[in-house]
């Protein structure tokens, strides 16, 4: 669930800022050879997303938008292989998106 604010509505280039909340689902299933044991885990976390970017009209109702997002999850999930942390989610994640859209 989120809110997005576009400045300069109606102009060709429109800066935008977004803030959203939701849930992050992470699951993993580990397999190994005997006598070791693989582990499985399935977790849900609260997610906060903040984004900054810009949108530009292409033609008519169509637009393209580029946005940088930061995700923070609580509790964050870390995946370990042997005793080494090899991956994490939500600590924070940095994402870039390019969107092609149309106003209805």
Protein backbone atom coordinates (compact mmCIF):
# COMPACT_ATOMS: atom_id res chain seq x y z
CA UNK A 1 0.00 0.00 0.00
CA UNK A 2 1.50 3.34 -0.86
CA UNK A 3 1.34 6.95 -1.89
CA UNK A 4 3.07 8.69 -4.77
CA UNK A 5 3.45 12.43 -5.32
CA UNK A 6 4.18 13.84 -8.78
CA UNK A 7 5.37 17.43 -8.92
CA UNK A 8 4.69 19.62 -11.95
CA UNK A 9 1.63 17.67 -13.14
CA UNK A 10 0.96 18.30 -16.81
CA UNK A 11 4.61 19.16 -17.60
CA UNK A 12 6.79 16.97 -19.84
CA UNK A 13 9.14 15.85 -17.00
CA UNK A 14 7.59 15.23 -13.58
CA UNK A 15 9.70 14.46 -10.48
CA UNK A 16 8.05 11.91 -8.20
CA UNK A 17 8.41 10.55 -4.67
CA UNK A 18 6.77 7.43 -3.29
CA UNK A 19 6.36 5.81 0.13
CA UNK A 20 4.86 2.34 0.57
CA UNK A 21 4.40 -0.36 3.20
CA UNK A 22 3.72 -4.05 2.74
CA UNK A 23 5.02 -7.53 3.43
CA UNK A 24 8.08 -9.37 2.16
CA UNK A 25 7.96 -13.16 1.82
CA UNK A 26 11.26 -15.07 1.76
CA UNK A 27 11.60 -18.84 1.59
CA UNK A 28 14.55 -21.16 1.13
CA UNK A 29 15.00 -24.89 0.90
CA UNK A 30 18.46 -26.38 1.45
CA UNK A 31 19.50 -29.85 0.29
CA UNK A 32 22.70 -31.72 1.10
CA UNK A 33 24.19 -35.20 1.08
CA UNK A 34 24.02 -37.44 4.12
CA UNK A 35 25.09 -37.21 6.98
CA UNK A 36 24.62 -33.43 6.82
CA UNK A 37 21.18 -31.87 7.10
CA UNK A 38 19.65 -29.25 4.84
CA UNK A 39 17.35 -26.65 6.36
CA UNK A 40 14.23 -24.95 5.08
CA UNK A 41 12.79 -21.65 6.20
CA UNK A 42 9.76 -19.57 5.31
CA UNK A 43 9.40 -16.03 6.70
CA UNK A 44 7.24 -12.95 6.37
CA UNK A 45 8.53 -9.49 7.25
CA UNK A 46 7.14 -5.95 7.40
CA UNK A 47 8.45 -3.96 4.41
CA UNK A 48 8.96 -0.21 4.02
CA UNK A 49 9.74 1.18 0.55
CA UNK A 50 10.82 4.71 -0.37
CA UNK A 51 11.32 5.78 -3.97
CA UNK A 52 12.54 8.84 -5.89
CA UNK A 53 12.49 9.33 -9.64
CA UNK A 54 10.97 11.09 -12.61
CA UNK A 55 8.26 10.43 -15.17
CA UNK A 56 8.03 11.79 -18.69
CA UNK A 57 5.15 11.83 -21.16
CA UNK A 58 5.94 9.94 -24.36
CA UNK A 59 2.78 10.65 -26.35
CA UNK A 60 -0.88 10.94 -25.44
CA UNK A 61 -1.65 9.01 -22.27
CA UNK A 62 1.62 7.04 -22.32
CA UNK A 63 4.59 7.75 -20.06
CA UNK A 64 7.93 6.31 -19.00
CA UNK A 65 9.20 6.54 -15.40
CA UNK A 66 12.57 5.74 -13.84
CA UNK A 67 12.73 5.28 -10.08
CA UNK A 68 15.28 4.30 -7.42
CA UNK A 69 13.82 2.41 -4.44
CA UNK A 70 15.16 1.50 -1.02
CA UNK A 71 13.52 -1.46 0.77
CA UNK A 72 13.90 -2.04 4.49
CA UNK A 73 12.45 -5.22 6.03
CA UNK A 74 11.96 -6.07 9.69
CA UNK A 75 12.95 -8.69 10.63
CA UNK A 76 15.54 -8.95 7.84
CA UNK A 77 16.45 -12.41 6.52
CA UNK A 78 20.04 -13.65 6.16
CA UNK A 79 20.97 -16.90 4.42
CA UNK A 80 24.02 -18.78 5.74
CA UNK A 81 26.08 -21.42 3.95
CA UNK A 82 28.11 -23.36 6.50
CA UNK A 83 28.89 -20.43 8.86
CA UNK A 84 29.19 -17.71 6.23
CA UNK A 85 26.41 -15.21 5.41
CA UNK A 86 25.93 -15.46 1.62
CA UNK A 87 22.74 -13.44 1.03
CA UNK A 88 20.37 -11.10 2.82
CA UNK A 89 17.06 -9.46 2.10
CA UNK A 90 15.77 -6.13 3.36
CA UNK A 91 18.99 -4.83 4.98
CA UNK A 92 18.44 -2.55 2.88
CA UNK A 93 17.77 -3.52 -0.72
CA UNK A 94 18.46 -0.93 -3.43
CA UNK A 95 16.41 -1.31 -6.60
CA UNK A 96 16.04 0.60 -9.85
CA UNK A 97 12.93 0.36 -11.99
CA UNK A 98 11.94 1.54 -15.44
CA UNK A 99 8.20 1.61 -16.08
CA UNK A 100 6.20 2.09 -19.25
CA UNK A 101 2.61 2.98 -18.44
CA UNK A 102 -0.64 4.55 -19.55
CA UNK A 103 -3.21 6.63 -17.70
CA UNK A 104 -6.69 5.16 -17.97
